[in-house]
N, C-alpha and C. Protein backbone atom coordinates (compact mmCIF):
# COMPACT_ATOMS: atom_id res chain seq x y z
N UNK A 1 52.62 136.85 90.34
CA UNK A 1 53.58 137.87 90.56
C UNK A 1 53.10 138.80 91.67
N UNK A 2 53.93 138.92 92.61
CA UNK A 2 53.62 139.76 93.74
C UNK A 2 54.59 140.93 93.75
N UNK A 3 54.11 142.09 93.28
CA UNK A 3 54.97 143.25 93.20
C UNK A 3 55.07 144.00 94.53
N UNK A 4 54.30 143.63 95.46
CA UNK A 4 54.27 144.34 96.73
C UNK A 4 55.12 143.65 97.79
N UNK A 5 56.01 142.96 97.39
CA UNK A 5 56.81 142.21 98.32
C UNK A 5 57.65 143.17 99.17
N UNK A 6 57.58 142.98 100.45
CA UNK A 6 58.37 143.76 101.37
C UNK A 6 57.79 145.12 101.72
N UNK A 7 56.80 145.55 101.01
CA UNK A 7 56.19 146.86 101.33
C UNK A 7 54.92 146.63 102.11
N UNK A 8 54.78 147.39 103.14
CA UNK A 8 53.54 147.32 103.88
C UNK A 8 52.61 148.39 103.36
N UNK A 9 51.37 148.12 103.50
CA UNK A 9 50.39 149.11 103.05
C UNK A 9 50.13 150.07 104.20
N UNK A 10 50.48 151.34 103.99
CA UNK A 10 50.29 152.36 105.02
C UNK A 10 48.94 153.02 104.83
N UNK A 11 48.22 153.09 105.94
CA UNK A 11 46.94 153.80 105.92
C UNK A 11 47.17 155.23 106.38
N UNK A 12 46.48 156.18 105.72
CA UNK A 12 46.69 157.58 106.15
C UNK A 12 46.10 157.81 107.54
N UNK A 13 46.82 158.55 108.36
CA UNK A 13 46.38 158.87 109.70
C UNK A 13 46.15 160.37 109.82
N UNK A 14 45.17 160.69 110.62
CA UNK A 14 44.93 162.10 110.93
C UNK A 14 45.49 162.34 112.33
N UNK A 15 46.44 163.23 112.39
CA UNK A 15 47.04 163.55 113.68
C UNK A 15 46.14 164.60 114.37
N UNK A 16 45.50 164.23 115.44
CA UNK A 16 44.54 165.10 116.12
C UNK A 16 45.16 166.07 117.10
N UNK A 17 46.35 165.89 117.51
CA UNK A 17 46.96 166.76 118.53
C UNK A 17 47.11 168.20 118.03
N UNK A 18 47.62 168.47 116.82
CA UNK A 18 47.68 169.87 116.37
C UNK A 18 46.28 170.48 116.19
N UNK A 19 45.34 169.65 115.76
CA UNK A 19 43.95 170.13 115.60
C UNK A 19 43.36 170.55 116.95
N UNK A 20 43.58 169.75 117.99
CA UNK A 20 43.09 170.07 119.32
C UNK A 20 43.79 171.32 119.86
N UNK A 21 45.07 171.46 119.60
CA UNK A 21 45.79 172.65 120.05
C UNK A 21 45.22 173.92 119.42
N UNK A 22 44.94 173.87 118.15
CA UNK A 22 44.39 175.04 117.46
C UNK A 22 43.00 175.36 117.98
N UNK A 23 42.16 174.35 118.18
CA UNK A 23 40.82 174.59 118.72
C UNK A 23 40.88 175.16 120.13
N UNK A 24 41.81 174.70 120.94
CA UNK A 24 41.96 175.23 122.29
C UNK A 24 42.36 176.70 122.26
N UNK A 25 43.26 177.07 121.37
CA UNK A 25 43.67 178.47 121.24
C UNK A 25 42.48 179.32 120.79
N UNK A 26 41.67 178.81 119.87
CA UNK A 26 40.49 179.57 119.42
C UNK A 26 39.49 179.73 120.55
N UNK A 27 39.25 178.70 121.33
CA UNK A 27 38.31 178.79 122.45
C UNK A 27 38.80 179.80 123.49
N UNK A 28 40.09 179.78 123.79
CA UNK A 28 40.65 180.76 124.74
C UNK A 28 40.51 182.17 124.18
N UNK A 29 40.81 182.35 122.92
CA UNK A 29 40.68 183.67 122.29
C UNK A 29 39.24 184.18 122.37
N UNK A 30 38.28 183.33 122.05
CA UNK A 30 36.88 183.74 122.12
C UNK A 30 36.44 184.03 123.56
N UNK A 31 36.89 183.27 124.50
CA UNK A 31 36.53 183.50 125.90
C UNK A 31 37.10 184.81 126.42
N UNK A 32 38.30 185.16 125.99
CA UNK A 32 38.93 186.39 126.46
C UNK A 32 38.31 187.62 125.80
N UNK A 33 37.96 187.54 124.54
CA UNK A 33 37.49 188.73 123.81
C UNK A 33 35.98 188.92 123.86
N UNK A 34 35.24 187.97 124.35
CA UNK A 34 33.79 188.09 124.39
C UNK A 34 33.38 189.02 125.52
N UNK A 35 32.46 189.90 125.22
CA UNK A 35 31.90 190.75 126.27
C UNK A 35 30.59 190.14 126.71
N UNK A 36 30.41 190.07 127.98
CA UNK A 36 29.21 189.48 128.53
C UNK A 36 28.26 190.61 128.94
N UNK A 37 27.10 190.62 128.35
CA UNK A 37 26.11 191.66 128.66
C UNK A 37 25.24 191.16 129.80
N UNK A 38 25.12 192.02 130.79
CA UNK A 38 24.25 191.69 131.90
C UNK A 38 23.03 192.57 131.81
N UNK A 39 21.90 191.94 131.90
CA UNK A 39 20.66 192.67 131.92
C UNK A 39 20.21 192.77 133.37
N UNK A 40 20.51 193.90 133.94
CA UNK A 40 20.19 194.08 135.36
C UNK A 40 18.79 194.66 135.49
N UNK A 41 18.11 194.21 136.48
CA UNK A 41 16.79 194.74 136.76
C UNK A 41 16.84 195.47 138.08
N UNK A 42 16.16 196.58 138.11
CA UNK A 42 16.05 197.31 139.35
C UNK A 42 14.82 196.84 140.07
N UNK A 43 15.00 196.33 141.24
CA UNK A 43 13.86 195.94 142.04
C UNK A 43 13.66 197.03 143.08
N UNK A 44 12.61 197.78 142.89
CA UNK A 44 12.34 198.92 143.74
C UNK A 44 11.06 198.68 144.51
N UNK A 45 11.14 198.83 145.80
CA UNK A 45 9.95 198.79 146.64
C UNK A 45 9.60 200.22 146.99
N UNK A 46 8.55 200.71 146.40
CA UNK A 46 8.15 202.08 146.64
C UNK A 46 7.53 202.23 148.02
N UNK A 47 7.73 203.37 148.63
CA UNK A 47 7.14 203.58 149.95
C UNK A 47 5.62 203.71 149.86
N UNK A 48 4.97 203.33 150.92
CA UNK A 48 3.52 203.43 150.95
C UNK A 48 3.12 204.46 151.99
N UNK A 49 1.92 204.96 151.82
CA UNK A 49 1.42 205.98 152.73
C UNK A 49 -0.04 205.69 153.00
N UNK A 50 -0.43 205.96 154.23
CA UNK A 50 -1.84 205.76 154.58
C UNK A 50 -2.60 207.08 154.59
N UNK A 51 -1.91 208.17 154.33
CA UNK A 51 -2.56 209.48 154.34
C UNK A 51 -3.39 209.64 153.07
N UNK A 52 -4.57 210.22 153.22
CA UNK A 52 -5.46 210.40 152.07
C UNK A 52 -5.08 211.64 151.26
N UNK A 53 -4.77 212.74 151.92
CA UNK A 53 -4.42 213.97 151.22
C UNK A 53 -3.26 214.65 151.93
N UNK A 54 -2.57 215.46 151.17
CA UNK A 54 -1.52 216.25 151.79
C UNK A 54 -2.17 217.38 152.56
N UNK A 55 -1.58 217.79 153.67
CA UNK A 55 -2.22 218.82 154.48
C UNK A 55 -2.32 220.17 153.76
N UNK A 56 -1.30 220.52 152.98
CA UNK A 56 -1.33 221.77 152.23
C UNK A 56 -1.18 221.46 150.75
N UNK A 57 -2.29 221.22 150.05
CA UNK A 57 -2.14 220.88 148.63
C UNK A 57 -1.54 222.07 147.88
N UNK A 58 -0.69 221.79 146.90
CA UNK A 58 -0.07 222.89 146.15
C UNK A 58 -1.10 223.64 145.31
N UNK A 59 -0.83 224.88 145.06
CA UNK A 59 -1.69 225.69 144.21
C UNK A 59 -1.55 225.17 142.79
N UNK A 60 -2.68 224.98 142.13
CA UNK A 60 -2.66 224.39 140.79
C UNK A 60 -3.28 225.32 139.77
N UNK A 61 -2.73 225.24 138.58
CA UNK A 61 -3.32 225.90 137.42
C UNK A 61 -3.72 224.77 136.48
N UNK A 62 -5.02 224.61 136.28
CA UNK A 62 -5.54 223.53 135.43
C UNK A 62 -5.58 224.01 133.98
N UNK A 63 -4.88 223.31 133.11
CA UNK A 63 -4.87 223.62 131.68
C UNK A 63 -5.46 222.43 130.94
N UNK A 64 -6.56 222.64 130.24
CA UNK A 64 -7.20 221.58 129.47
C UNK A 64 -6.87 221.77 127.99
N UNK A 65 -6.51 220.66 127.34
CA UNK A 65 -6.21 220.68 125.90
C UNK A 65 -7.18 219.72 125.23
N UNK A 66 -8.03 220.27 124.35
CA UNK A 66 -9.02 219.45 123.66
C UNK A 66 -8.39 218.77 122.44
N UNK A 67 -9.09 217.79 121.92
CA UNK A 67 -8.62 217.08 120.73
C UNK A 67 -8.47 218.02 119.54
N UNK A 68 -9.33 219.02 119.47
CA UNK A 68 -9.30 219.96 118.35
C UNK A 68 -8.20 221.01 118.48
N UNK A 69 -7.48 221.05 119.63
CA UNK A 69 -6.42 222.03 119.80
C UNK A 69 -6.84 223.26 120.56
N UNK A 70 -8.05 223.27 121.11
CA UNK A 70 -8.50 224.41 121.91
C UNK A 70 -8.01 224.26 123.33
N UNK A 71 -7.80 225.40 124.01
CA UNK A 71 -7.26 225.42 125.35
C UNK A 71 -8.26 226.02 126.32
N UNK A 72 -8.11 225.63 127.59
CA UNK A 72 -8.92 226.19 128.66
C UNK A 72 -8.03 226.24 129.90
N UNK A 73 -7.89 227.43 130.49
CA UNK A 73 -7.04 227.60 131.67
C UNK A 73 -7.92 227.99 132.84
N UNK A 74 -7.96 227.14 133.86
CA UNK A 74 -8.78 227.36 135.06
C UNK A 74 -10.22 227.72 134.72
N UNK A 75 -10.79 227.02 133.76
CA UNK A 75 -12.18 227.22 133.40
C UNK A 75 -12.41 228.33 132.39
N UNK A 76 -11.39 229.09 132.04
CA UNK A 76 -11.52 230.17 131.05
C UNK A 76 -11.11 229.65 129.68
N UNK A 77 -12.05 229.66 128.73
CA UNK A 77 -11.77 229.14 127.39
C UNK A 77 -10.92 230.14 126.61
N UNK A 78 -9.90 229.62 125.94
CA UNK A 78 -9.03 230.45 125.11
C UNK A 78 -9.20 230.15 123.63
N UNK A 79 -9.78 229.04 123.30
CA UNK A 79 -9.88 228.66 121.89
C UNK A 79 -8.53 228.16 121.40
N UNK A 80 -8.26 228.36 120.12
CA UNK A 80 -6.98 227.96 119.54
C UNK A 80 -6.01 229.11 119.69
N UNK A 81 -5.32 229.17 120.81
CA UNK A 81 -4.45 230.29 121.15
C UNK A 81 -3.01 230.02 120.71
N UNK A 82 -2.27 231.11 120.53
CA UNK A 82 -0.85 230.98 120.23
C UNK A 82 -0.08 230.81 121.54
N UNK A 83 1.21 230.58 121.41
CA UNK A 83 2.04 230.40 122.60
C UNK A 83 2.07 231.67 123.43
N UNK A 84 2.11 232.84 122.77
CA UNK A 84 2.13 234.11 123.50
C UNK A 84 0.83 234.33 124.26
N UNK A 85 -0.30 233.99 123.65
CA UNK A 85 -1.59 234.11 124.34
C UNK A 85 -1.68 233.14 125.51
N UNK A 86 -1.16 231.93 125.33
CA UNK A 86 -1.14 230.97 126.43
C UNK A 86 -0.26 231.47 127.57
N UNK A 87 0.89 232.04 127.22
CA UNK A 87 1.80 232.56 128.24
C UNK A 87 1.15 233.69 129.03
N UNK A 88 0.45 234.57 128.34
CA UNK A 88 -0.23 235.67 129.03
C UNK A 88 -1.33 235.15 129.96
N UNK A 89 -2.09 234.17 129.51
CA UNK A 89 -3.15 233.61 130.34
C UNK A 89 -2.57 232.85 131.54
N UNK A 90 -1.46 232.15 131.35
CA UNK A 90 -0.82 231.45 132.46
C UNK A 90 -0.25 232.44 133.47
N UNK A 91 0.31 233.53 132.97
CA UNK A 91 0.86 234.55 133.88
C UNK A 91 -0.25 235.19 134.70
N UNK A 92 -1.39 235.43 134.06
CA UNK A 92 -2.54 236.01 134.76
C UNK A 92 -3.07 235.02 135.82
N UNK A 93 -3.12 233.73 135.46
CA UNK A 93 -3.62 232.73 136.40
C UNK A 93 -2.67 232.52 137.57
N UNK A 94 -1.38 232.73 137.37
CA UNK A 94 -0.39 232.52 138.42
C UNK A 94 -0.09 233.79 139.21
N UNK A 95 -0.77 234.87 138.91
CA UNK A 95 -0.46 236.15 139.54
C UNK A 95 -0.61 236.12 141.06
N UNK A 96 -1.64 235.50 141.58
CA UNK A 96 -1.88 235.53 143.02
C UNK A 96 -1.50 234.22 143.71
N UNK A 97 -0.69 233.41 143.09
CA UNK A 97 -0.30 232.12 143.65
C UNK A 97 1.21 232.03 143.77
N UNK A 98 1.68 231.43 144.85
CA UNK A 98 3.11 231.24 145.05
C UNK A 98 3.52 229.87 144.53
N UNK A 99 4.41 229.85 143.56
CA UNK A 99 4.96 228.63 142.98
C UNK A 99 3.88 227.60 142.64
N UNK A 100 2.98 227.94 141.71
CA UNK A 100 1.90 227.00 141.38
C UNK A 100 2.39 225.84 140.52
N UNK A 101 1.59 224.78 140.52
CA UNK A 101 1.85 223.61 139.68
C UNK A 101 0.91 223.69 138.48
N UNK A 102 1.46 223.57 137.28
CA UNK A 102 0.64 223.56 136.07
C UNK A 102 0.25 222.12 135.79
N UNK A 103 -1.04 221.83 135.84
CA UNK A 103 -1.57 220.49 135.58
C UNK A 103 -2.18 220.48 134.19
N UNK A 104 -1.60 219.70 133.31
CA UNK A 104 -2.06 219.63 131.92
C UNK A 104 -3.01 218.45 131.79
N UNK A 105 -4.26 218.73 131.46
CA UNK A 105 -5.28 217.72 131.20
C UNK A 105 -5.47 217.67 129.68
N UNK A 106 -4.74 216.80 129.02
CA UNK A 106 -4.82 216.73 127.56
C UNK A 106 -5.64 215.53 127.14
N UNK A 107 -6.45 215.72 126.12
CA UNK A 107 -7.21 214.62 125.54
C UNK A 107 -6.22 213.60 124.97
N UNK A 108 -6.59 212.34 125.00
CA UNK A 108 -5.70 211.28 124.52
C UNK A 108 -5.39 211.44 123.03
N UNK A 109 -6.30 212.04 122.29
CA UNK A 109 -6.10 212.22 120.85
C UNK A 109 -5.67 213.64 120.50
N UNK A 110 -5.31 214.43 121.49
CA UNK A 110 -4.84 215.79 121.23
C UNK A 110 -3.47 215.73 120.56
N UNK A 111 -3.21 216.71 119.72
CA UNK A 111 -1.93 216.76 119.02
C UNK A 111 -0.80 217.00 120.01
N UNK A 112 0.29 216.36 119.76
CA UNK A 112 1.47 216.50 120.62
C UNK A 112 1.92 217.96 120.67
N UNK A 113 1.81 218.65 119.56
CA UNK A 113 2.23 220.05 119.48
C UNK A 113 1.41 220.93 120.41
N UNK A 114 0.14 220.61 120.60
CA UNK A 114 -0.70 221.40 121.51
C UNK A 114 -0.18 221.32 122.94
N UNK A 115 0.24 220.15 123.36
CA UNK A 115 0.78 219.97 124.71
C UNK A 115 2.13 220.66 124.83
N UNK A 116 2.95 220.57 123.80
CA UNK A 116 4.26 221.23 123.81
C UNK A 116 4.08 222.74 123.86
N UNK A 117 3.04 223.26 123.21
CA UNK A 117 2.77 224.70 123.27
C UNK A 117 2.49 225.15 124.70
N UNK A 118 1.72 224.36 125.44
CA UNK A 118 1.44 224.70 126.84
C UNK A 118 2.73 224.68 127.65
N UNK A 119 3.56 223.68 127.43
CA UNK A 119 4.82 223.58 128.16
C UNK A 119 5.74 224.74 127.83
N UNK A 120 5.79 225.15 126.58
CA UNK A 120 6.61 226.29 126.16
C UNK A 120 6.09 227.59 126.78
N UNK A 121 4.78 227.76 126.80
CA UNK A 121 4.19 228.96 127.40
C UNK A 121 4.50 229.01 128.89
N UNK A 122 4.44 227.87 129.57
CA UNK A 122 4.77 227.83 131.00
C UNK A 122 6.24 228.16 131.23
N UNK A 123 7.10 227.69 130.34
CA UNK A 123 8.53 228.01 130.47
C UNK A 123 8.78 229.49 130.30
N UNK A 124 8.06 230.11 129.37
CA UNK A 124 8.25 231.55 129.13
C UNK A 124 7.87 232.41 130.32
N UNK A 125 6.88 231.99 131.09
CA UNK A 125 6.47 232.78 132.27
C UNK A 125 7.07 232.20 133.55
N UNK A 126 8.09 231.35 133.38
CA UNK A 126 8.88 230.79 134.48
C UNK A 126 8.07 229.95 135.45
N UNK A 127 7.14 229.18 134.92
CA UNK A 127 6.42 228.18 135.70
C UNK A 127 7.11 226.85 135.44
N UNK A 128 7.89 226.39 136.40
CA UNK A 128 8.73 225.22 136.16
C UNK A 128 8.12 223.93 136.68
N UNK A 129 7.09 224.02 137.49
CA UNK A 129 6.47 222.80 138.03
C UNK A 129 5.29 222.42 137.14
N UNK A 130 5.49 221.37 136.32
CA UNK A 130 4.47 220.94 135.36
C UNK A 130 4.20 219.46 135.59
N UNK A 131 2.94 219.08 135.55
CA UNK A 131 2.58 217.67 135.66
C UNK A 131 1.43 217.38 134.71
N UNK A 132 1.19 216.10 134.47
CA UNK A 132 0.13 215.69 133.55
C UNK A 132 -0.91 214.90 134.33
N UNK A 133 -2.17 215.17 134.05
CA UNK A 133 -3.25 214.43 134.70
C UNK A 133 -3.58 213.21 133.84
N UNK A 134 -3.82 212.10 134.51
CA UNK A 134 -4.23 210.88 133.83
C UNK A 134 -5.42 210.28 134.55
N UNK A 135 -6.00 209.31 133.93
CA UNK A 135 -7.10 208.60 134.59
C UNK A 135 -6.75 207.13 134.61
N UNK A 136 -7.29 206.43 135.56
CA UNK A 136 -7.01 205.01 135.67
C UNK A 136 -7.80 204.24 134.61
N UNK A 137 -7.20 203.16 134.16
CA UNK A 137 -7.88 202.33 133.15
C UNK A 137 -9.05 201.60 133.80
N UNK A 138 -10.15 201.44 133.05
CA UNK A 138 -11.32 200.77 133.65
C UNK A 138 -11.08 199.30 133.88
């Protein structure tokens, strides 16, 4: 007995065209909405100079900050001074100088607050030119 007479056996088919259409729409959507981050590098060629020293070096006020928090301004020891005492000493050191540069020589292990105190004292006496001294690595 053949009950399948006249019927063909149909195999299921996967229609790929709608699948490809949907994937294409997704790819276009992702390409349009994606932001591309550029990591730009600045290539800077710094100018060089053959001069050893400037002809008129700026007037400097040397401020040393020890690891223990003690201060020294132009060779005069202040000990553990407050901001007001630092400001008074900086004003005295800058009295006979026109627009001096405050050079902070801080120990590598000095507290950050000690350096900020020197900067605050310089701001109070209107010394705006501040720089930090460093040494080259061996």
